[in-house]
Amino acid sequence: MEMNLLDRSNYFKGLLLLTAKDKNISEPEKKMLLQIGKDLGFAKDFCEKALQELPYNEYIVDLPPVFSNRELAEIFIIEGIKLAFSDKNLHVFELKWLMKTADLNNIDREWVMDRVISHIETDNVETENSELVAS
């Protein structure tokens, strides 16, 4: 899908912020983020630096991204779910952040939960808060 620079920047920044929600950036998350950054056209050193500085960057505003169209927001949420589960855990803060992203992009929360459940069933992973997924 074609993305303008603002959408690409919001996409990468949004995934960075999502990754930081559980206060632990795992190796699978780093690897996935570096690949996404490359796919979005960002230089490897830029992506590595953004990951390295993320926990200490006081200038990053922690707001979920708003995209230019709904389709892109849906793709972002699906990729965000994959990223959140890449460490085999879905932290409650990650889920809440994805829900806020859905709200800001006029996507129904039930749609998000359907994608989370589908991911769990497909990948057979355990969540950190399984009762949250069931509710």
N, C-alpha and C. Protein backbone atom coordinates (compact mmCIF):
# COMPACT_ATOMS: atom_id res chain seq x y z
N MET A 1 0.85 -1.18 0.00
CA MET A 1 0.00 0.00 0.00
C MET A 1 0.89 1.24 0.00
N GLU A 2 0.53 2.20 -0.82
CA GLU A 2 1.25 3.47 -0.87
C GLU A 2 0.98 4.28 0.40
N MET A 3 2.06 4.83 0.94
CA MET A 3 1.92 5.67 2.14
C MET A 3 2.69 6.96 1.93
N ASN A 4 2.08 8.06 2.36
CA ASN A 4 2.82 9.32 2.32
C ASN A 4 3.81 9.35 3.49
N LEU A 5 4.68 10.33 3.49
CA LEU A 5 5.73 10.41 4.51
C LEU A 5 5.16 10.50 5.92
N LEU A 6 4.10 11.28 6.10
CA LEU A 6 3.50 11.42 7.43
C LEU A 6 2.95 10.08 7.92
N ASP A 7 2.25 9.35 7.05
CA ASP A 7 1.72 8.04 7.44
C ASP A 7 2.85 7.07 7.75
N ARG A 8 3.91 7.07 6.93
CA ARG A 8 5.05 6.18 7.20
C ARG A 8 5.70 6.51 8.53
N SER A 9 5.87 7.79 8.81
CA SER A 9 6.47 8.22 10.08
C SER A 9 5.58 7.83 11.25
N ASN A 10 4.29 8.08 11.13
CA ASN A 10 3.35 7.71 12.20
C ASN A 10 3.30 6.20 12.41
N TYR A 11 3.40 5.46 11.32
CA TYR A 11 3.36 4.00 11.39
C TYR A 11 4.55 3.48 12.21
N PHE A 12 5.75 3.92 11.82
CA PHE A 12 6.95 3.45 12.52
C PHE A 12 6.97 3.93 13.97
N LYS A 13 6.68 5.21 14.17
CA LYS A 13 6.66 5.75 15.53
C LYS A 13 5.61 5.04 16.38
N GLY A 14 4.45 4.78 15.80
CA GLY A 14 3.39 4.09 16.52
C GLY A 14 3.81 2.70 16.97
N LEU A 15 4.51 1.98 16.09
CA LEU A 15 4.97 0.64 16.46
C LEU A 15 6.08 0.72 17.51
N LEU A 16 6.93 1.74 17.42
CA LEU A 16 7.95 1.94 18.46
C LEU A 16 7.29 2.14 19.82
N LEU A 17 6.29 3.02 19.86
CA LEU A 17 5.60 3.30 21.12
C LEU A 17 4.89 2.06 21.65
N LEU A 18 4.28 1.30 20.76
CA LEU A 18 3.62 0.06 21.17
C LEU A 18 4.62 -0.89 21.81
N THR A 19 5.78 -1.01 21.19
CA THR A 19 6.82 -1.91 21.70
C THR A 19 7.25 -1.54 23.11
N ALA A 20 7.25 -0.26 23.41
CA ALA A 20 7.72 0.21 24.72
C ALA A 20 6.67 0.05 25.81
N LYS A 21 5.45 -0.30 25.47
CA LYS A 21 4.36 -0.35 26.45
C LYS A 21 4.61 -1.35 27.57
N ASP A 22 5.26 -2.46 27.27
CA ASP A 22 5.49 -3.46 28.32
C ASP A 22 6.85 -3.27 29.00
N LYS A 23 7.52 -2.16 28.70
CA LYS A 23 8.80 -1.80 29.33
C LYS A 23 9.91 -2.80 29.01
N ASN A 24 9.71 -3.61 27.98
CA ASN A 24 10.71 -4.60 27.61
C ASN A 24 10.71 -4.76 26.09
N ILE A 25 11.79 -4.36 25.45
CA ILE A 25 11.89 -4.52 24.00
C ILE A 25 12.70 -5.78 23.74
N SER A 26 12.00 -6.83 23.33
CA SER A 26 12.64 -8.13 23.12
C SER A 26 13.38 -8.18 21.79
N GLU A 27 14.23 -9.17 21.63
CA GLU A 27 14.96 -9.34 20.37
C GLU A 27 14.02 -9.57 19.19
N PRO A 28 12.98 -10.42 19.33
CA PRO A 28 12.04 -10.56 18.20
C PRO A 28 11.36 -9.24 17.83
N GLU A 29 11.04 -8.42 18.83
CA GLU A 29 10.43 -7.12 18.55
C GLU A 29 11.41 -6.22 17.81
N LYS A 30 12.67 -6.21 18.25
CA LYS A 30 13.69 -5.39 17.59
C LYS A 30 13.85 -5.81 16.13
N LYS A 31 13.95 -7.11 15.92
CA LYS A 31 14.13 -7.63 14.57
C LYS A 31 12.96 -7.24 13.67
N MET A 32 11.76 -7.40 14.19
CA MET A 32 10.57 -7.07 13.42
C MET A 32 10.51 -5.57 13.12
N LEU A 33 10.81 -4.75 14.11
CA LEU A 33 10.79 -3.29 13.90
C LEU A 33 11.83 -2.84 12.88
N LEU A 34 13.00 -3.44 12.92
CA LEU A 34 14.03 -3.07 11.95
C LEU A 34 13.59 -3.43 10.53
N GLN A 35 12.93 -4.57 10.38
CA GLN A 35 12.43 -4.97 9.06
C GLN A 35 11.32 -4.03 8.59
N ILE A 36 10.42 -3.69 9.49
CA ILE A 36 9.33 -2.77 9.15
C ILE A 36 9.89 -1.41 8.76
N GLY A 37 10.86 -0.93 9.53
CA GLY A 37 11.50 0.35 9.20
C GLY A 37 12.11 0.32 7.81
N LYS A 38 12.79 -0.77 7.49
CA LYS A 38 13.38 -0.93 6.16
C LYS A 38 12.28 -0.92 5.09
N ASP A 39 11.21 -1.69 5.33
CA ASP A 39 10.09 -1.75 4.38
C ASP A 39 9.45 -0.38 4.16
N LEU A 40 9.48 0.45 5.19
CA LEU A 40 8.89 1.79 5.10
C LEU A 40 9.85 2.80 4.44
N GLY A 41 11.08 2.36 4.18
CA GLY A 41 12.03 3.23 3.50
C GLY A 41 12.95 4.01 4.42
N PHE A 42 12.99 3.63 5.69
CA PHE A 42 13.87 4.32 6.64
C PHE A 42 15.22 3.63 6.69
N ALA A 43 16.27 4.42 6.88
CA ALA A 43 17.63 3.89 6.95
C ALA A 43 17.78 3.01 8.19
N LYS A 44 18.59 1.96 8.05
CA LYS A 44 18.80 1.03 9.16
C LYS A 44 19.35 1.74 10.39
N ASP A 45 20.31 2.65 10.19
CA ASP A 45 20.91 3.34 11.35
C ASP A 45 19.89 4.23 12.05
N PHE A 46 18.97 4.83 11.29
CA PHE A 46 17.90 5.63 11.89
C PHE A 46 17.02 4.75 12.78
N CYS A 47 16.64 3.58 12.25
CA CYS A 47 15.76 2.67 13.00
C CYS A 47 16.45 2.14 14.25
N GLU A 48 17.72 1.77 14.11
CA GLU A 48 18.48 1.27 15.26
C GLU A 48 18.60 2.34 16.34
N LYS A 49 18.87 3.56 15.92
CA LYS A 49 19.01 4.66 16.88
C LYS A 49 17.67 4.93 17.57
N ALA A 50 16.58 4.91 16.81
CA ALA A 50 15.25 5.14 17.39
C ALA A 50 14.94 4.07 18.44
N LEU A 51 15.28 2.83 18.15
CA LEU A 51 15.06 1.74 19.12
C LEU A 51 15.93 1.92 20.36
N GLN A 52 17.17 2.27 20.14
CA GLN A 52 18.11 2.43 21.25
C GLN A 52 17.71 3.58 22.17
N GLU A 53 17.25 4.67 21.58
CA GLU A 53 16.92 5.86 22.37
C GLU A 53 15.49 5.87 22.90
N LEU A 54 14.67 4.96 22.45
CA LEU A 54 13.25 4.97 22.81
C LEU A 54 13.00 5.07 24.31
N PRO A 55 13.64 4.26 25.14
CA PRO A 55 13.33 4.35 26.57
C PRO A 55 13.72 5.69 27.21
N TYR A 56 14.61 6.43 26.57
CA TYR A 56 15.13 7.65 27.17
C TYR A 56 14.70 8.93 26.46
N ASN A 57 13.96 8.79 25.37
CA ASN A 57 13.60 9.96 24.56
C ASN A 57 12.40 10.68 25.16
N GLU A 58 12.66 11.80 25.81
CA GLU A 58 11.61 12.56 26.48
C GLU A 58 10.78 13.40 25.50
N TYR A 59 11.20 13.45 24.24
CA TYR A 59 10.50 14.29 23.27
C TYR A 59 9.44 13.54 22.47
N ILE A 60 9.39 12.23 22.63
CA ILE A 60 8.37 11.46 21.92
C ILE A 60 7.06 11.58 22.68
N VAL A 61 6.05 12.07 21.99
CA VAL A 61 4.72 12.20 22.58
C VAL A 61 4.02 10.86 22.43
N ASP A 62 3.57 10.32 23.55
CA ASP A 62 2.98 8.98 23.58
C ASP A 62 1.49 9.03 23.21
N LEU A 63 1.23 9.32 21.95
CA LEU A 63 -0.14 9.32 21.45
C LEU A 63 -0.26 8.31 20.32
N PRO A 64 -1.33 7.53 20.30
CA PRO A 64 -1.53 6.59 19.20
C PRO A 64 -1.65 7.34 17.88
N PRO A 65 -1.22 6.71 16.80
CA PRO A 65 -1.24 7.39 15.50
C PRO A 65 -2.64 7.50 14.91
N VAL A 66 -2.82 8.57 14.15
CA VAL A 66 -4.03 8.75 13.35
C VAL A 66 -3.56 8.74 11.90
N PHE A 67 -4.18 7.89 11.10
CA PHE A 67 -3.76 7.72 9.71
C PHE A 67 -4.70 8.41 8.74
N SER A 68 -4.23 8.57 7.52
CA SER A 68 -5.00 9.28 6.50
C SER A 68 -6.20 8.48 6.00
N ASN A 69 -6.20 7.17 6.26
CA ASN A 69 -7.35 6.37 5.86
C ASN A 69 -7.50 5.15 6.77
N ARG A 70 -8.70 4.65 6.79
CA ARG A 70 -9.05 3.54 7.68
C ARG A 70 -8.30 2.25 7.33
N GLU A 71 -8.14 1.99 6.05
CA GLU A 71 -7.46 0.76 5.63
C GLU A 71 -6.04 0.69 6.20
N LEU A 72 -5.34 1.79 6.14
CA LEU A 72 -3.98 1.84 6.69
C LEU A 72 -4.00 1.64 8.21
N ALA A 73 -4.97 2.23 8.88
CA ALA A 73 -5.10 2.05 10.33
C ALA A 73 -5.35 0.58 10.67
N GLU A 74 -6.16 -0.10 9.88
CA GLU A 74 -6.43 -1.52 10.11
C GLU A 74 -5.16 -2.35 9.91
N ILE A 75 -4.41 -2.04 8.86
CA ILE A 75 -3.14 -2.74 8.61
C ILE A 75 -2.19 -2.51 9.78
N PHE A 76 -2.13 -1.27 10.26
CA PHE A 76 -1.27 -0.94 11.40
C PHE A 76 -1.67 -1.77 12.64
N ILE A 77 -2.94 -1.85 12.92
CA ILE A 77 -3.40 -2.59 14.11
C ILE A 77 -3.07 -4.07 13.98
N ILE A 78 -3.28 -4.65 12.81
CA ILE A 78 -2.95 -6.06 12.60
C ILE A 78 -1.45 -6.28 12.79
N GLU A 79 -0.64 -5.40 12.22
CA GLU A 79 0.81 -5.52 12.39
C GLU A 79 1.21 -5.26 13.85
N GLY A 80 0.51 -4.35 14.50
CA GLY A 80 0.75 -4.09 15.92
C GLY A 80 0.46 -5.31 16.78
N ILE A 81 -0.59 -6.04 16.45
CA ILE A 81 -0.91 -7.27 17.18
C ILE A 81 0.21 -8.29 16.99
N LYS A 82 0.67 -8.45 15.76
CA LYS A 82 1.78 -9.38 15.50
C LYS A 82 3.03 -8.96 16.27
N LEU A 83 3.31 -7.67 16.27
CA LEU A 83 4.48 -7.16 16.99
C LEU A 83 4.34 -7.39 18.50
N ALA A 84 3.17 -7.10 19.03
CA ALA A 84 2.94 -7.28 20.47
C ALA A 84 3.11 -8.75 20.88
N PHE A 85 2.71 -9.66 20.01
CA PHE A 85 2.82 -11.09 20.31
C PHE A 85 4.18 -11.67 19.93
N SER A 86 5.06 -10.91 19.31
CA SER A 86 6.33 -11.47 18.85
C SER A 86 7.20 -11.96 20.00
N ASP A 87 6.94 -11.44 21.20
CA ASP A 87 7.67 -11.93 22.38
C ASP A 87 6.84 -12.97 23.14
N LYS A 88 5.77 -13.46 22.51
CA LYS A 88 4.88 -14.50 23.05
C LYS A 88 4.03 -14.01 24.22
N ASN A 89 3.94 -12.71 24.41
CA ASN A 89 3.11 -12.12 25.46
C ASN A 89 2.37 -10.92 24.91
N LEU A 90 1.11 -10.80 25.28
CA LEU A 90 0.37 -9.58 24.99
C LEU A 90 0.13 -8.90 26.33
N HIS A 91 0.83 -7.81 26.53
CA HIS A 91 0.70 -7.07 27.79
C HIS A 91 -0.57 -6.23 27.73
N VAL A 92 -1.22 -6.07 28.87
CA VAL A 92 -2.46 -5.29 28.94
C VAL A 92 -2.25 -3.86 28.43
N PHE A 93 -1.09 -3.27 28.67
CA PHE A 93 -0.82 -1.91 28.19
C PHE A 93 -0.73 -1.87 26.66
N GLU A 94 -0.21 -2.94 26.07
CA GLU A 94 -0.16 -3.01 24.61
C GLU A 94 -1.57 -3.08 24.03
N LEU A 95 -2.40 -3.90 24.63
CA LEU A 95 -3.77 -4.03 24.15
C LEU A 95 -4.54 -2.72 24.30
N LYS A 96 -4.39 -2.07 25.44
CA LYS A 96 -5.08 -0.79 25.65
C LYS A 96 -4.63 0.24 24.61
N TRP A 97 -3.36 0.25 24.29
CA TRP A 97 -2.84 1.21 23.33
C TRP A 97 -3.38 0.94 21.93
N LEU A 98 -3.47 -0.34 21.57
CA LEU A 98 -4.06 -0.69 20.28
C LEU A 98 -5.54 -0.28 20.23
N MET A 99 -6.24 -0.42 21.35
CA MET A 99 -7.64 0.00 21.40
C MET A 99 -7.77 1.51 21.23
N LYS A 100 -6.87 2.26 21.85
CA LYS A 100 -6.89 3.73 21.68
C LYS A 100 -6.62 4.10 20.22
N THR A 101 -5.71 3.36 19.59
CA THR A 101 -5.44 3.60 18.18
C THR A 101 -6.70 3.35 17.35
N ALA A 102 -7.39 2.27 17.66
CA ALA A 102 -8.64 1.97 16.95
C ALA A 102 -9.65 3.10 17.15
N ASP A 103 -9.81 3.53 18.38
CA ASP A 103 -10.77 4.61 18.68
C ASP A 103 -10.47 5.86 17.86
N LEU A 104 -9.20 6.26 17.83
CA LEU A 104 -8.81 7.48 17.12
C LEU A 104 -8.98 7.38 15.60
N ASN A 105 -9.01 6.14 15.11
CA ASN A 105 -9.14 5.92 13.67
C ASN A 105 -10.52 5.37 13.29
N ASN A 106 -11.47 5.52 14.22
CA ASN A 106 -12.86 5.10 13.99
C ASN A 106 -13.00 3.63 13.60
N ILE A 107 -12.26 2.80 14.32
CA ILE A 107 -12.34 1.35 14.13
C ILE A 107 -12.95 0.77 15.39
N ASP A 108 -13.90 -0.11 15.20
CA ASP A 108 -14.62 -0.72 16.31
C ASP A 108 -13.69 -1.59 17.15
N ARG A 109 -13.80 -1.48 18.46
CA ARG A 109 -12.97 -2.28 19.37
C ARG A 109 -13.22 -3.78 19.20
N GLU A 110 -14.43 -4.13 18.86
CA GLU A 110 -14.74 -5.55 18.64
C GLU A 110 -13.92 -6.10 17.47
N TRP A 111 -13.73 -5.28 16.45
CA TRP A 111 -12.90 -5.67 15.30
C TRP A 111 -11.48 -5.99 15.78
N VAL A 112 -10.94 -5.16 16.66
CA VAL A 112 -9.60 -5.37 17.20
C VAL A 112 -9.55 -6.68 17.99
N MET A 113 -10.53 -6.89 18.86
CA MET A 113 -10.54 -8.11 19.67
C MET A 113 -10.68 -9.35 18.79
N ASP A 114 -11.45 -9.26 17.73
CA ASP A 114 -11.56 -10.39 16.79
C ASP A 114 -10.20 -10.72 16.19
N ARG A 115 -9.40 -9.69 15.87
CA ARG A 115 -8.06 -9.92 15.31
C ARG A 115 -7.12 -10.50 16.37
N VAL A 116 -7.24 -10.06 17.60
CA VAL A 116 -6.41 -10.60 18.68
C VAL A 116 -6.73 -12.08 18.88
N ILE A 117 -8.00 -12.40 18.96
CA ILE A 117 -8.42 -13.79 19.16
C ILE A 117 -7.98 -14.65 17.98
N SER A 118 -8.14 -14.14 16.79
CA SER A 118 -7.70 -14.87 15.60
C SER A 118 -6.20 -15.14 15.65
N HIS A 119 -5.43 -14.16 16.09
CA HIS A 119 -3.98 -14.34 16.20
C HIS A 119 -3.65 -15.40 17.25
N ILE A 120 -4.34 -15.37 18.36
CA ILE A 120 -4.10 -16.37 19.41
C ILE A 120 -4.42 -17.77 18.89
N GLU A 121 -5.54 -17.90 18.23
CA GLU A 121 -5.95 -19.21 17.71
C GLU A 121 -4.99 -19.70 16.63
N THR A 122 -4.51 -18.79 15.81
CA THR A 122 -3.61 -19.15 14.72
C THR A 122 -2.23 -19.51 15.23
N ASP A 123 -1.70 -18.71 16.11
CA ASP A 123 -0.34 -18.92 16.59
C ASP A 123 -0.25 -19.71 17.89
N ASN A 124 -1.39 -19.95 18.53
CA ASN A 124 -1.43 -20.73 19.76
C ASN A 124 -0.44 -20.22 20.80
N VAL A 125 -0.49 -18.91 21.05
CA VAL A 125 0.38 -18.33 22.07
C VAL A 125 -0.42 -18.05 23.33
N GLU A 126 0.28 -17.94 24.43
CA GLU A 126 -0.37 -17.59 25.69
C GLU A 126 -0.22 -16.10 25.92
N THR A 127 -1.25 -15.49 26.49
CA THR A 127 -1.16 -14.07 26.81
C THR A 127 -0.86 -13.90 28.28
N GLU A 128 -0.32 -12.73 28.58
CA GLU A 128 0.00 -12.42 29.96
C GLU A 128 -1.27 -12.25 30.79
N ASN A 129 -2.35 -11.86 30.15
CA ASN A 129 -3.61 -11.61 30.83
C ASN A 129 -4.73 -12.28 30.07
N SER A 130 -4.82 -13.60 30.12
CA SER A 130 -5.78 -14.32 29.29
C SER A 130 -7.22 -13.94 29.60
N GLU A 131 -7.53 -13.55 30.82
CA GLU A 131 -8.90 -13.14 31.13
C GLU A 131 -9.27 -11.85 30.42
N LEU A 132 -8.28 -11.02 30.11
CA LEU A 132 -8.54 -9.79 29.38
C LEU A 132 -8.98 -10.11 27.95
N VAL A 133 -8.34 -11.06 27.33
CA VAL A 133 -8.68 -11.44 25.97
C VAL A 133 -10.07 -12.05 25.92
N ALA A 134 -10.44 -12.78 26.95
CA ALA A 134 -11.74 -13.44 26.97
C ALA A 134 -12.89 -12.48 27.22
N SER A 135 -12.62 -11.33 27.82
CA SER A 135 -13.72 -10.42 28.16
C SER A 135 -14.11 -9.52 27.03
